Amino acid sequence: MQDNKTNRVFFSACLTEGYRSCAKAIKDALRENGIIVEKKIRNTKDIWARDYMPIQIGENKFMRYMYRPDYLWKVESDRQYITDNAQCDFLTGKEIVDCNVILDGGNVVVCGNKMILTEKVFAENADMQPFEITKRIEQASGKQVIWIPVDPHEVEEARRNNELPLCHADGILHAIDEETILLSNYQDYDLDYRAKLLERLSPYFKIKEFGFGDKKSDNSWIYINYLQVGKVVLMPTLNEPADELAVEQLKEYLQVDKIVKIDSNELTFNAADHNVGGSLHCISWNVYDSEKD
């Protein structure tokens, strides 16, 4: 379900327990714009709700997967942070299908009748051939899977820090509508990777791109991690010159009149939770509820 069609949003109970300032700013901004923050998702081990909650594939249908990310699973002391039984009353009575593939919800971007994922999934399901992985996801979701290469900069950064990379698709692109996607600002710093993405994606989608020119910074990737619930858009900020450029570009691409800026540095750069490096999209789980229409 594309974000522009959603009308409810949920967050982990851990968010208000550890990040009260940022949680309040998000909650207040949503309420001021007509979106009520729902009951907290229970039984969670960290704030990154996008990664472990089911993926909405229809009005009352959700796809569940095996959440066992290698960046947590391969270090025994980190396994305590894996959420495997999150509870949300909204899911009661909904149809749940299992794809029986190890993946993260943050690595799934739904765009119309297609799903975009990075090839990190192949590494986490090394006991299966790529065609079998694709088949399982497509049969469960009823959508065509489009694979994209992982971000080489993220891989290199993780290697330098002796860590495993997340390689989530939602850190690379965002669905604007059923036919259009928005890419992060690779045109500013990696034309080779951008070309590979365009090669994979352009046969299926219209493509818009962030671009900041000489106002870009090492952290300009954060803007793609905005949260959209219907016509309400919250954008993480850096307090840098590119902030205003990002606002104007989002207004144009998303066709909205207002972008609410949220300082999410507390989450992105100072988070105590494992799997640090996300922002507003990563901590949220927004869905479409036909009963609220």
Protein backbone atom coordinates (compact mmCIF):
# COMPACT_ATOMS: atom_id res chain seq x y z
CA MET A 1 0.00 0.00 0.00
CA GLN A 2 1.55 3.31 -1.05
CA ASP A 3 1.94 5.87 1.70
CA ASN A 4 -0.31 8.39 -0.07
CA LYS A 5 -3.23 5.97 0.38
CA THR A 6 -2.69 5.28 4.09
CA ASN A 7 -4.75 6.88 6.87
CA ARG A 8 -3.46 5.38 10.13
CA VAL A 9 -0.01 5.24 11.67
CA PHE A 10 1.46 3.22 14.53
CA PHE A 11 4.75 3.31 16.43
CA SER A 12 6.56 0.91 18.74
CA ALA A 13 6.02 1.36 22.46
CA CYS A 14 9.81 1.68 22.67
CA LEU A 15 9.71 5.05 20.92
CA THR A 16 8.03 6.93 23.77
CA GLU A 17 10.10 5.02 26.31
CA GLY A 18 13.46 6.12 24.92
CA TYR A 19 12.89 9.09 22.63
CA ARG A 20 10.28 11.26 24.29
CA SER A 21 11.33 14.55 22.67
CA CYS A 22 11.28 13.24 19.11
CA ALA A 23 8.16 11.12 19.75
CA LYS A 24 6.29 14.18 21.04
CA ALA A 25 7.33 16.28 18.03
CA ILE A 26 6.10 13.59 15.65
CA LYS A 27 2.85 13.02 17.52
CA ASP A 28 2.09 16.74 17.77
CA ALA A 29 2.83 17.32 14.08
CA LEU A 30 0.56 14.48 13.02
CA ARG A 31 -2.28 15.58 15.29
CA GLU A 32 -2.06 19.17 14.10
CA ASN A 33 -2.54 17.88 10.58
CA GLY A 34 -5.47 15.59 11.30
CA ILE A 35 -3.67 12.26 11.81
CA ILE A 36 -4.17 10.59 15.18
CA VAL A 37 -1.32 8.44 16.41
CA GLU A 38 -2.80 5.03 17.21
CA LYS A 39 -2.17 2.70 20.11
CA LYS A 40 1.42 1.61 20.42
CA ILE A 41 2.67 -1.62 18.88
CA ARG A 42 3.31 -3.98 21.78
CA ASN A 43 5.97 -6.64 22.42
CA THR A 44 8.68 -4.84 20.46
CA LYS A 45 12.40 -4.95 21.13
CA ASP A 46 13.39 -1.74 19.38
CA ILE A 47 11.92 1.37 17.73
CA TRP A 48 12.30 0.25 14.10
CA ALA A 49 8.70 -0.86 13.53
CA ARG A 50 8.92 -0.80 9.73
CA ASP A 51 11.34 -3.70 9.78
CA TYR A 52 9.26 -6.29 11.63
CA MET A 53 5.60 -5.40 10.99
CA PRO A 54 3.61 -7.15 8.20
CA ILE A 55 3.39 -5.53 4.78
CA GLN A 56 -0.03 -4.38 3.60
CA ILE A 57 -0.79 -5.89 0.19
CA GLY A 58 -4.56 -5.23 0.07
CA GLU A 59 -7.28 -3.40 2.00
CA ASN A 60 -7.52 -6.18 4.60
CA LYS A 61 -4.59 -8.38 3.62
CA PHE A 62 -1.03 -8.40 4.96
CA MET A 63 2.11 -10.36 4.13
CA ARG A 64 4.21 -11.72 6.98
CA TYR A 65 7.83 -12.80 6.62
CA MET A 66 10.60 -14.29 8.73
CA TYR A 67 12.31 -11.44 10.54
CA ARG A 68 15.81 -12.66 11.33
CA PRO A 69 18.17 -9.99 9.98
CA ASP A 70 21.79 -11.06 9.71
CA TYR A 71 23.01 -7.78 11.24
CA LEU A 72 21.35 -8.91 14.50
CA TRP A 73 21.22 -12.69 14.13
CA LYS A 74 24.93 -13.29 13.47
CA VAL A 75 25.98 -11.68 16.74
CA GLU A 76 24.48 -13.79 19.51
CA SER A 77 24.34 -10.95 22.03
CA ASP A 78 22.32 -8.88 19.51
CA ARG A 79 19.58 -11.47 19.01
CA GLN A 80 17.76 -10.05 22.02
CA TYR A 81 16.84 -7.07 19.82
CA ILE A 82 14.93 -9.15 17.27
CA THR A 83 11.18 -8.54 17.47
CA ASP A 84 9.37 -11.70 16.43
CA ASN A 85 5.90 -11.30 17.93
CA ALA A 86 4.81 -7.68 17.71
CA GLN A 87 1.16 -7.17 18.59
CA CYS A 88 -1.25 -4.64 17.12
CA ASP A 89 -5.02 -4.74 17.62
CA PHE A 90 -5.50 -3.38 14.11
CA LEU A 91 -4.41 -6.76 12.68
CA THR A 92 -7.22 -8.64 14.44
CA GLY A 93 -9.50 -10.14 11.81
CA LYS A 94 -7.17 -9.26 8.92
CA GLU A 95 -5.98 -11.87 6.43
CA ILE A 96 -2.32 -12.72 7.01
CA VAL A 97 -0.29 -14.65 4.44
CA ASP A 98 3.25 -15.95 4.95
CA CYS A 99 5.95 -15.74 2.29
CA ASN A 100 8.41 -17.93 4.28
CA VAL A 101 11.39 -15.80 3.29
CA ILE A 102 13.85 -14.01 5.59
CA LEU A 103 13.61 -10.29 4.93
CA ASP A 104 13.01 -6.91 6.59
CA GLY A 105 9.91 -4.79 6.07
CA GLY A 106 12.20 -1.82 5.50
CA ASN A 107 13.52 -3.62 2.44
CA VAL A 108 10.10 -3.75 0.80
CA VAL A 109 8.69 -0.78 -1.09
CA VAL A 110 5.21 -1.39 -2.49
CA CYS A 111 4.40 0.48 -5.68
CA GLY A 112 1.08 -0.49 -7.24
CA ASN A 113 1.17 -4.11 -8.35
CA LYS A 114 4.92 -4.33 -7.79
CA MET A 115 7.32 -4.66 -4.85
CA ILE A 116 10.89 -3.33 -4.90
CA LEU A 117 13.57 -5.05 -2.81
CA THR A 118 17.36 -5.04 -2.73
CA GLU A 119 19.30 -8.19 -3.52
CA LYS A 120 20.42 -8.39 0.12
CA VAL A 121 17.53 -10.86 0.44
CA PHE A 122 19.51 -13.38 -1.62
CA ALA A 123 22.36 -13.37 0.90
CA GLU A 124 19.99 -13.85 3.85
CA ASN A 125 18.30 -16.79 2.13
CA ALA A 126 21.41 -18.46 0.76
CA ASP A 127 19.80 -21.90 1.03
CA MET A 128 17.39 -20.93 -1.79
CA GLN A 129 17.93 -19.95 -5.39
CA PRO A 130 16.87 -16.38 -6.33
CA PHE A 131 14.05 -17.69 -8.52
CA GLU A 132 12.58 -19.60 -5.55
CA ILE A 133 12.80 -16.54 -3.32
CA THR A 134 11.08 -14.45 -5.98
CA LYS A 135 8.39 -17.08 -6.48
CA ARG A 136 7.56 -17.25 -2.77
CA ILE A 137 7.25 -13.50 -2.38
CA GLU A 138 5.21 -13.08 -5.54
CA GLN A 139 2.83 -15.92 -4.70
CA ALA A 140 2.24 -14.57 -1.19
CA SER A 141 1.88 -10.91 -2.18
CA GLY A 142 0.25 -11.19 -5.59
CA LYS A 143 2.73 -8.57 -6.81
CA GLN A 144 5.67 -8.61 -9.19
CA VAL A 145 9.06 -8.38 -7.49
CA ILE A 146 11.61 -5.93 -8.86
CA TRP A 147 15.16 -6.50 -7.58
CA ILE A 148 17.67 -3.66 -7.27
CA PRO A 149 21.37 -3.79 -6.33
CA VAL A 150 22.42 -2.84 -2.82
CA ASP A 151 23.88 0.60 -2.12
CA PRO A 152 27.69 0.13 -2.38
CA HIS A 153 28.33 3.07 -0.03
CA GLU A 154 26.34 1.42 2.74
CA VAL A 155 28.20 -1.84 2.21
CA GLU A 156 31.57 -0.10 2.36
CA GLU A 157 30.63 1.90 5.46
CA ALA A 158 29.54 -1.28 7.25
CA ARG A 159 32.76 -3.02 6.25
CA ARG A 160 34.84 -0.18 7.69
CA ASN A 161 32.95 -0.49 10.96
CA ASN A 162 33.17 -4.29 10.99
CA GLU A 163 29.37 -4.53 10.76
CA LEU A 164 26.83 -6.05 8.43
CA PRO A 165 24.86 -3.58 6.26
CA LEU A 166 21.07 -3.24 6.34
CA CYS A 167 20.67 -2.59 2.59
CA HIS A 168 17.01 -1.57 2.86
CA ALA A 169 15.15 -0.38 -0.23
CA ASP A 170 13.39 2.36 1.77
CA GLY A 171 16.77 4.05 2.23
CA ILE A 172 17.16 4.19 -1.55
CA LEU A 173 13.74 5.11 -2.90
CA HIS A 174 10.13 5.88 -2.01
CA ALA A 175 6.90 5.20 -3.89
CA ILE A 176 5.10 8.41 -4.87
CA ASP A 177 2.12 6.66 -6.43
CA GLU A 178 1.38 3.40 -8.25
CA GLU A 179 3.52 4.37 -11.23
CA THR A 180 6.15 6.75 -9.86
CA ILE A 181 9.10 6.44 -7.51
CA LEU A 182 11.45 8.97 -5.94
CA LEU A 183 15.17 8.18 -5.76
CA SER A 184 17.57 9.48 -3.15
CA ASN A 185 20.16 11.96 -4.39
CA TYR A 186 22.56 9.55 -6.08
CA GLN A 187 22.86 12.01 -8.95
CA ASP A 188 24.92 14.15 -6.55
CA TYR A 189 27.59 11.58 -5.75
CA ASP A 190 27.32 8.19 -7.50
CA LEU A 191 26.36 8.24 -11.15
CA ASP A 192 27.40 4.60 -11.66
CA TYR A 193 25.04 3.28 -8.99
CA ARG A 194 22.33 5.67 -10.17
CA ALA A 195 22.67 4.21 -13.69
CA LYS A 196 22.25 0.69 -12.33
CA LEU A 197 19.11 1.70 -10.46
CA LEU A 198 17.65 3.41 -13.51
CA GLU A 199 18.37 0.36 -15.62
CA ARG A 200 16.41 -1.87 -13.24
CA LEU A 201 13.58 0.56 -12.49
CA SER A 202 12.89 2.65 -15.58
CA PRO A 203 11.19 -0.19 -17.52
CA TYR A 204 8.46 -0.21 -14.85
CA PHE A 205 8.23 3.25 -13.27
CA LYS A 206 8.38 6.97 -13.86
CA ILE A 207 11.32 8.24 -11.83
CA LYS A 208 11.83 11.46 -9.88
CA GLU A 209 15.07 12.27 -8.06
CA PHE A 210 16.29 14.28 -5.12
CA GLY A 211 19.23 16.50 -6.08
CA PHE A 212 21.04 19.11 -3.98
CA GLY A 213 24.13 20.07 -5.99
CA ASP A 214 26.64 22.06 -3.94
CA LYS A 215 24.25 22.04 -0.95
CA LYS A 216 24.51 18.27 -0.51
CA SER A 217 26.20 16.74 2.54
CA ASP A 218 27.23 13.28 3.68
CA ASN A 219 23.85 12.98 5.38
CA SER A 220 21.57 14.12 2.55
CA TRP A 221 20.35 10.52 2.24
CA ILE A 222 18.09 11.17 5.23
CA TYR A 223 15.46 13.05 3.21
CA ILE A 224 14.25 9.91 1.41
CA ASN A 225 13.24 8.56 4.82
CA TYR A 226 10.23 10.85 5.13
CA LEU A 227 6.90 9.68 6.56
CA GLN A 228 3.75 10.21 4.52
CA VAL A 229 0.26 9.39 5.78
CA GLY A 230 -2.20 10.36 3.08
CA LYS A 231 -1.48 14.01 2.26
CA VAL A 232 0.42 14.63 5.49
CA VAL A 233 4.20 14.53 5.05
CA LEU A 234 6.80 14.68 7.82
CA MET A 235 10.38 15.16 6.63
CA PRO A 236 13.52 14.61 8.73
CA THR A 237 15.87 17.58 8.77
CA LEU A 238 19.60 18.13 9.23
CA ASN A 239 19.58 21.87 9.95
CA GLU A 240 21.64 22.25 6.78
CA PRO A 241 21.12 24.27 3.57
CA ALA A 242 19.69 21.25 1.73
CA ASP A 243 16.70 21.13 4.11
CA GLU A 244 14.76 23.80 2.23
CA LEU A 245 15.63 22.34 -1.16
CA ALA A 246 14.31 18.97 0.03
CA VAL A 247 11.08 20.60 1.22
CA GLU A 248 10.48 22.26 -2.15
CA GLN A 249 11.24 19.10 -4.08
CA LEU A 250 8.90 17.02 -1.93
CA LYS A 251 6.10 19.56 -2.37
CA GLU A 252 6.51 19.33 -6.13
CA TYR A 253 6.89 15.55 -6.38
CA LEU A 254 4.20 14.60 -3.87
CA GLN A 255 1.81 17.36 -4.90
CA VAL A 256 1.21 18.53 -1.34
CA ASP A 257 1.01 22.09 -0.02
CA LYS A 258 2.89 21.57 3.21
CA ILE A 259 5.90 19.60 4.46
CA VAL A 260 6.34 19.36 8.23
CA LYS A 261 9.99 19.37 9.25
CA ILE A 262 11.04 17.11 12.13
CA ASP A 263 14.47 17.14 13.77
CA SER A 264 15.20 13.42 14.00
CA ASN A 265 18.90 13.60 14.87
CA GLU A 266 18.10 11.88 18.16
CA LEU A 267 16.92 8.83 16.21
CA THR A 268 19.34 8.81 13.34
CA PHE A 269 22.65 9.69 14.91
CA ASN A 270 22.22 9.20 18.66
CA ALA A 271 19.91 6.20 18.91
CA ALA A 272 20.72 3.70 21.63
CA ASP A 273 18.87 0.95 19.75
CA HIS A 274 20.72 -1.43 17.49
CA ASN A 275 20.21 -0.93 13.74
CA VAL A 276 20.99 2.80 13.98
CA GLY A 277 20.74 4.85 10.84
CA GLY A 278 17.05 5.20 10.08
CA SER A 279 14.57 7.98 10.50
CA LEU A 280 10.84 8.73 10.29
CA HIS A 281 9.89 6.06 7.77
CA CYS A 282 11.87 3.39 9.62
CA ILE A 283 10.18 3.98 12.98
CA SER A 284 6.62 4.07 11.64
CA TRP A 285 4.04 1.57 10.37
CA ASN A 286 1.34 3.30 8.36
CA VAL A 287 -1.62 1.44 6.90
CA TYR A 288 -4.88 1.97 5.06
CA ASP A 289 -8.02 1.30 7.10
CA SER A 290 -11.22 1.19 5.03
CA GLU A 291 -13.31 1.73 8.17
CA LYS A 292 -11.84 5.22 8.61
CA ASP A 293 -12.97 6.39 5.16
